[in-house]
N, C-alpha and C. Protein backbone atom coordinates (compact mmCIF):
# COMPACT_ATOMS: atom_id res chain seq x y z
N MET A 1 76.26 17.12 49.35
CA MET A 1 77.63 17.35 49.74
C MET A 1 77.72 18.51 50.74
N LYS A 2 76.93 19.58 50.50
CA LYS A 2 76.94 20.71 51.41
C LYS A 2 76.45 20.29 52.79
N THR A 3 75.46 19.41 52.82
CA THR A 3 74.91 18.95 54.09
C THR A 3 75.97 18.18 54.87
N ILE A 4 76.69 17.29 54.20
CA ILE A 4 77.73 16.51 54.87
C ILE A 4 78.82 17.44 55.39
N THR A 5 79.24 18.40 54.60
CA THR A 5 80.26 19.35 55.02
C THR A 5 79.79 20.14 56.24
N PHE A 6 78.51 20.56 56.22
CA PHE A 6 77.95 21.30 57.35
C PHE A 6 78.01 20.47 58.63
N PHE A 7 77.59 19.21 58.58
CA PHE A 7 77.58 18.36 59.76
C PHE A 7 78.99 18.05 60.27
N ILE A 8 79.92 17.88 59.36
CA ILE A 8 81.31 17.66 59.78
C ILE A 8 81.83 18.91 60.48
N ALA A 9 81.56 20.09 59.93
CA ALA A 9 81.99 21.34 60.56
C ALA A 9 81.33 21.52 61.92
N LEU A 10 80.06 21.21 62.02
CA LEU A 10 79.33 21.31 63.28
C LEU A 10 79.92 20.35 64.31
N PHE A 11 80.18 19.11 63.92
CA PHE A 11 80.76 18.11 64.82
C PHE A 11 82.12 18.56 65.32
N MET A 12 82.96 19.09 64.43
CA MET A 12 84.31 19.54 64.82
C MET A 12 84.22 20.70 65.80
N THR A 13 83.27 21.62 65.60
CA THR A 13 83.10 22.76 66.50
C THR A 13 82.70 22.29 67.89
N VAL A 14 81.77 21.36 67.97
CA VAL A 14 81.33 20.82 69.26
C VAL A 14 82.46 20.07 69.93
N ALA A 15 83.19 19.27 69.19
CA ALA A 15 84.29 18.49 69.75
C ALA A 15 85.40 19.40 70.29
N ILE A 16 85.69 20.48 69.58
CA ILE A 16 86.75 21.38 70.01
C ILE A 16 86.32 22.18 71.23
N SER A 17 85.04 22.58 71.30
CA SER A 17 84.59 23.42 72.41
C SER A 17 84.21 22.62 73.65
N ALA A 18 84.14 21.30 73.56
CA ALA A 18 83.79 20.49 74.73
C ALA A 18 84.87 20.62 75.79
N GLN A 19 84.46 20.76 77.04
CA GLN A 19 85.40 20.92 78.14
C GLN A 19 85.74 19.56 78.74
N ASP A 20 86.99 19.39 79.10
CA ASP A 20 87.42 18.17 79.79
C ASP A 20 87.11 18.36 81.26
N THR A 21 86.20 17.57 81.80
CA THR A 21 85.78 17.74 83.20
C THR A 21 86.26 16.60 84.09
N GLU A 22 87.09 15.74 83.56
CA GLU A 22 87.64 14.65 84.37
C GLU A 22 88.66 15.23 85.34
N PRO A 23 88.68 14.77 86.59
CA PRO A 23 89.68 15.28 87.53
C PRO A 23 91.09 14.91 87.09
N THR A 24 92.06 15.72 87.50
CA THR A 24 93.45 15.43 87.21
C THR A 24 94.19 15.17 88.52
N PHE A 25 95.16 14.28 88.47
CA PHE A 25 95.96 13.91 89.63
C PHE A 25 97.43 13.90 89.23
N THR A 26 98.24 14.65 89.98
CA THR A 26 99.66 14.74 89.69
C THR A 26 100.44 14.35 90.93
N LYS A 27 101.33 13.37 90.79
CA LYS A 27 102.13 12.92 91.93
C LYS A 27 103.32 13.85 92.12
N GLU A 28 103.49 14.33 93.37
CA GLU A 28 104.63 15.16 93.74
C GLU A 28 105.21 14.60 95.03
N GLY A 29 106.22 13.78 94.90
CA GLY A 29 106.80 13.12 96.08
C GLY A 29 105.79 12.16 96.68
N ASP A 30 105.50 12.31 97.96
CA ASP A 30 104.52 11.46 98.64
C ASP A 30 103.08 11.95 98.43
N LYS A 31 102.93 13.16 97.91
CA LYS A 31 101.61 13.78 97.76
C LYS A 31 101.05 13.55 96.35
N VAL A 32 99.73 13.62 96.27
CA VAL A 32 99.05 13.64 94.98
C VAL A 32 98.24 14.92 94.93
N ILE A 33 98.54 15.78 93.96
CA ILE A 33 97.82 17.04 93.79
C ILE A 33 96.60 16.76 92.92
N ALA A 34 95.42 17.13 93.43
CA ALA A 34 94.16 16.85 92.73
C ALA A 34 93.50 18.14 92.28
N THR A 35 92.90 18.09 91.10
CA THR A 35 92.10 19.20 90.59
C THR A 35 90.81 18.61 90.04
N TYR A 36 89.69 19.11 90.56
CA TYR A 36 88.37 18.67 90.11
C TYR A 36 87.73 19.82 89.35
N TYR A 37 86.87 19.50 88.37
CA TYR A 37 86.30 20.51 87.49
C TYR A 37 84.78 20.48 87.51
N HIS A 38 84.19 21.68 87.29
CA HIS A 38 82.74 21.79 87.06
C HIS A 38 82.47 21.31 85.63
N GLU A 39 81.21 21.09 85.32
CA GLU A 39 80.84 20.64 83.97
C GLU A 39 81.22 21.66 82.90
N ASN A 40 81.32 22.95 83.27
CA ASN A 40 81.66 23.97 82.28
C ASN A 40 83.18 24.09 82.07
N GLY A 41 83.96 23.24 82.77
CA GLY A 41 85.40 23.25 82.60
C GLY A 41 86.15 24.08 83.63
N GLN A 42 85.44 24.91 84.39
CA GLN A 42 86.09 25.71 85.44
C GLN A 42 86.54 24.80 86.57
N ILE A 43 87.60 25.18 87.26
CA ILE A 43 88.08 24.41 88.40
C ILE A 43 87.06 24.49 89.53
N ALA A 44 86.73 23.34 90.11
CA ALA A 44 85.80 23.26 91.24
C ALA A 44 86.56 23.18 92.56
N GLN A 45 87.61 22.37 92.61
CA GLN A 45 88.40 22.17 93.82
C GLN A 45 89.84 21.86 93.47
N THR A 46 90.74 22.31 94.32
CA THR A 46 92.14 21.91 94.21
C THR A 46 92.64 21.57 95.61
N GLY A 47 93.51 20.60 95.67
CA GLY A 47 94.07 20.21 96.96
C GLY A 47 94.98 19.01 96.78
N GLU A 48 95.33 18.41 97.91
CA GLU A 48 96.25 17.28 97.84
C GLU A 48 95.80 16.12 98.72
N PHE A 49 96.31 14.98 98.35
CA PHE A 49 96.12 13.75 99.12
C PHE A 49 97.48 13.30 99.62
N LEU A 50 97.49 12.72 100.82
CA LEU A 50 98.70 12.11 101.36
C LEU A 50 98.29 10.76 101.92
N LYS A 51 98.89 9.71 101.40
CA LYS A 51 98.55 8.34 101.79
C LYS A 51 97.05 8.06 101.62
N GLY A 52 96.48 8.59 100.53
CA GLY A 52 95.08 8.33 100.19
C GLY A 52 94.06 9.16 100.96
N LYS A 53 94.52 10.11 101.79
CA LYS A 53 93.61 10.93 102.57
C LYS A 53 93.78 12.40 102.21
N LEU A 54 92.67 13.16 102.29
CA LEU A 54 92.74 14.59 102.07
C LEU A 54 93.74 15.18 103.04
N ASN A 55 94.59 16.08 102.52
CA ASN A 55 95.64 16.63 103.37
C ASN A 55 96.05 18.00 102.84
N GLY A 56 96.43 18.90 103.74
CA GLY A 56 96.91 20.20 103.32
C GLY A 56 95.78 21.13 102.91
N GLU A 57 96.15 22.21 102.22
CA GLU A 57 95.19 23.24 101.83
C GLU A 57 94.31 22.79 100.67
N TRP A 58 93.03 23.06 100.79
CA TRP A 58 92.05 22.81 99.72
C TRP A 58 91.33 24.11 99.43
N ASN A 59 91.09 24.37 98.16
CA ASN A 59 90.36 25.56 97.72
C ASN A 59 89.19 25.12 96.86
N MET A 60 88.03 25.76 97.06
CA MET A 60 86.83 25.45 96.30
C MET A 60 86.39 26.71 95.53
N PHE A 61 85.87 26.51 94.32
CA PHE A 61 85.48 27.61 93.45
C PHE A 61 84.08 27.37 92.89
N ASP A 62 83.37 28.47 92.60
CA ASP A 62 82.06 28.33 91.96
C ASP A 62 82.26 28.12 90.46
N GLN A 63 81.16 28.00 89.73
CA GLN A 63 81.25 27.72 88.30
C GLN A 63 81.82 28.87 87.48
N ALA A 64 81.87 30.07 88.08
CA ALA A 64 82.46 31.22 87.40
C ALA A 64 83.95 31.36 87.73
N GLY A 65 84.47 30.50 88.62
CA GLY A 65 85.88 30.54 88.96
C GLY A 65 86.19 31.36 90.20
N LYS A 66 85.16 31.86 90.88
CA LYS A 66 85.37 32.67 92.09
C LYS A 66 85.52 31.75 93.30
N LYS A 67 86.53 32.04 94.14
CA LYS A 67 86.78 31.22 95.32
C LYS A 67 85.60 31.32 96.28
N ILE A 68 85.10 30.17 96.74
CA ILE A 68 83.97 30.16 97.67
C ILE A 68 84.35 29.56 99.03
N ALA A 69 85.48 28.85 99.10
CA ALA A 69 85.91 28.28 100.38
C ALA A 69 87.38 27.91 100.31
N THR A 70 88.02 27.97 101.48
CA THR A 70 89.40 27.53 101.60
C THR A 70 89.63 27.02 103.01
N GLY A 71 90.43 25.98 103.13
CA GLY A 71 90.71 25.41 104.44
C GLY A 71 91.73 24.30 104.34
N GLU A 72 91.99 23.66 105.48
CA GLU A 72 93.00 22.60 105.51
C GLU A 72 92.44 21.30 106.06
N TYR A 73 93.01 20.22 105.52
CA TYR A 73 92.75 18.88 106.02
C TYR A 73 94.04 18.34 106.64
N ALA A 74 93.91 17.50 107.66
CA ALA A 74 95.04 16.78 108.23
C ALA A 74 94.61 15.32 108.37
N LYS A 75 95.24 14.46 107.62
CA LYS A 75 94.92 13.03 107.64
C LYS A 75 93.44 12.77 107.40
N GLY A 76 92.86 13.50 106.44
CA GLY A 76 91.47 13.27 106.04
C GLY A 76 90.44 14.01 106.86
N LYS A 77 90.86 14.83 107.83
CA LYS A 77 89.91 15.54 108.69
C LYS A 77 90.11 17.04 108.57
N LYS A 78 88.97 17.78 108.55
CA LYS A 78 89.05 19.23 108.53
C LYS A 78 89.71 19.70 109.81
N THR A 79 90.60 20.68 109.65
CA THR A 79 91.31 21.19 110.83
C THR A 79 91.57 22.68 110.67
N GLY A 80 91.66 23.38 111.78
CA GLY A 80 91.99 24.80 111.75
C GLY A 80 90.86 25.66 111.21
N LYS A 81 91.22 26.85 110.78
CA LYS A 81 90.23 27.82 110.29
C LYS A 81 89.91 27.59 108.82
N TRP A 82 88.63 27.50 108.54
CA TRP A 82 88.12 27.42 107.17
C TRP A 82 87.38 28.72 106.91
N PHE A 83 87.46 29.20 105.67
CA PHE A 83 86.78 30.43 105.30
C PHE A 83 85.83 30.15 104.14
N PHE A 84 84.58 30.62 104.30
CA PHE A 84 83.55 30.45 103.29
C PHE A 84 83.13 31.84 102.84
N PHE A 85 83.18 32.10 101.52
CA PHE A 85 82.93 33.41 100.95
C PHE A 85 81.58 33.43 100.24
N LYS A 86 80.74 34.42 100.59
CA LYS A 86 79.46 34.59 99.91
C LYS A 86 79.17 36.08 99.82
N GLY A 87 79.35 36.64 98.63
CA GLY A 87 79.16 38.08 98.44
C GLY A 87 80.14 38.85 99.31
N GLU A 88 79.63 39.75 100.13
CA GLU A 88 80.46 40.57 101.02
C GLU A 88 80.69 39.88 102.37
N THR A 89 80.15 38.69 102.55
CA THR A 89 80.24 38.00 103.83
C THR A 89 81.31 36.91 103.80
N ILE A 90 82.11 36.86 104.86
CA ILE A 90 83.08 35.79 105.05
C ILE A 90 82.72 35.08 106.35
N GLN A 91 82.51 33.79 106.24
CA GLN A 91 82.23 33.00 107.43
C GLN A 91 83.51 32.24 107.79
N GLU A 92 83.96 32.43 109.02
CA GLU A 92 85.18 31.79 109.52
C GLU A 92 84.75 30.66 110.46
N VAL A 93 85.09 29.44 110.08
CA VAL A 93 84.69 28.27 110.87
C VAL A 93 85.95 27.57 111.35
N ASP A 94 86.04 27.39 112.66
CA ASP A 94 87.21 26.73 113.24
C ASP A 94 86.87 25.26 113.47
N PHE A 95 87.69 24.37 112.88
CA PHE A 95 87.49 22.93 112.99
C PHE A 95 88.58 22.29 113.84
N GLU A 96 88.19 21.26 114.55
CA GLU A 96 89.15 20.41 115.24
C GLU A 96 88.67 18.98 115.07
N ASN A 97 89.49 18.17 114.40
CA ASN A 97 89.14 16.77 114.16
C ASN A 97 87.81 16.64 113.41
N SER A 98 87.60 17.52 112.42
CA SER A 98 86.38 17.59 111.59
C SER A 98 85.13 18.00 112.36
N GLN A 99 85.30 18.50 113.56
CA GLN A 99 84.16 18.99 114.36
C GLN A 99 84.25 20.52 114.44
N ILE A 100 83.10 21.19 114.31
CA ILE A 100 83.07 22.64 114.40
C ILE A 100 83.28 23.06 115.85
N VAL A 101 84.28 23.93 116.06
CA VAL A 101 84.60 24.45 117.39
C VAL A 101 83.99 25.84 117.57
N SER A 102 84.08 26.67 116.52
CA SER A 102 83.50 28.01 116.59
C SER A 102 83.19 28.52 115.19
N VAL A 103 82.28 29.50 115.14
CA VAL A 103 81.91 30.13 113.88
C VAL A 103 81.84 31.64 114.09
N GLU A 104 82.49 32.38 113.21
CA GLU A 104 82.43 33.84 113.23
C GLU A 104 82.03 34.31 111.84
N GLN A 105 81.26 35.40 111.80
CA GLN A 105 80.85 35.95 110.53
C GLN A 105 81.38 37.37 110.41
N HIS A 106 82.00 37.68 109.27
CA HIS A 106 82.57 39.00 109.01
C HIS A 106 81.80 39.60 107.84
N GLU A 107 81.31 40.83 108.02
CA GLU A 107 80.48 41.48 107.01
C GLU A 107 81.20 42.64 106.34
N GLY A 108 80.81 42.91 105.12
CA GLY A 108 81.22 44.11 104.41
C GLY A 108 82.71 44.30 104.26
N LYS A 109 83.15 45.51 104.55
CA LYS A 109 84.54 45.91 104.30
C LYS A 109 85.45 45.66 105.51
N GLU A 110 84.98 44.89 106.48
CA GLU A 110 85.77 44.58 107.67
C GLU A 110 87.09 43.92 107.24
N ALA A 111 88.20 44.42 107.78
CA ALA A 111 89.51 43.88 107.43
C ALA A 111 89.68 42.50 108.03
N LEU A 112 90.14 41.57 107.22
CA LEU A 112 90.37 40.20 107.68
C LEU A 112 91.56 39.66 106.89
N VAL A 113 92.58 39.22 107.60
CA VAL A 113 93.78 38.66 106.96
C VAL A 113 93.64 37.15 106.92
N ILE A 114 93.74 36.59 105.72
CA ILE A 114 93.64 35.14 105.53
C ILE A 114 94.96 34.67 104.95
N ASN A 115 95.63 33.77 105.64
CA ASN A 115 96.92 33.25 105.15
C ASN A 115 96.70 32.19 104.13
């Protein structure tokens, strides 16, 4: 009986602590807001779709929840300035029609305003 009780308690603990990693989609007017998750349950990406294509601002996060990239899509294509964060370094990549136009790297404590 003790063994059965132990296994039931163990099963319930695992079931309760399991993270839901399935993406979520919420319709807001014409847009669909998407959230994707890492296996540990942390958010991996957030953004929106419009008419089935990536659109608007998208944010990407590492498994610890720290932002690693942010940028915009227009009709499924990367556009404008994207920012990639790695330690003290920020890489600014300018896209036009999903093609890289320019790349700048900002180091250390250099002031940079990101909208």
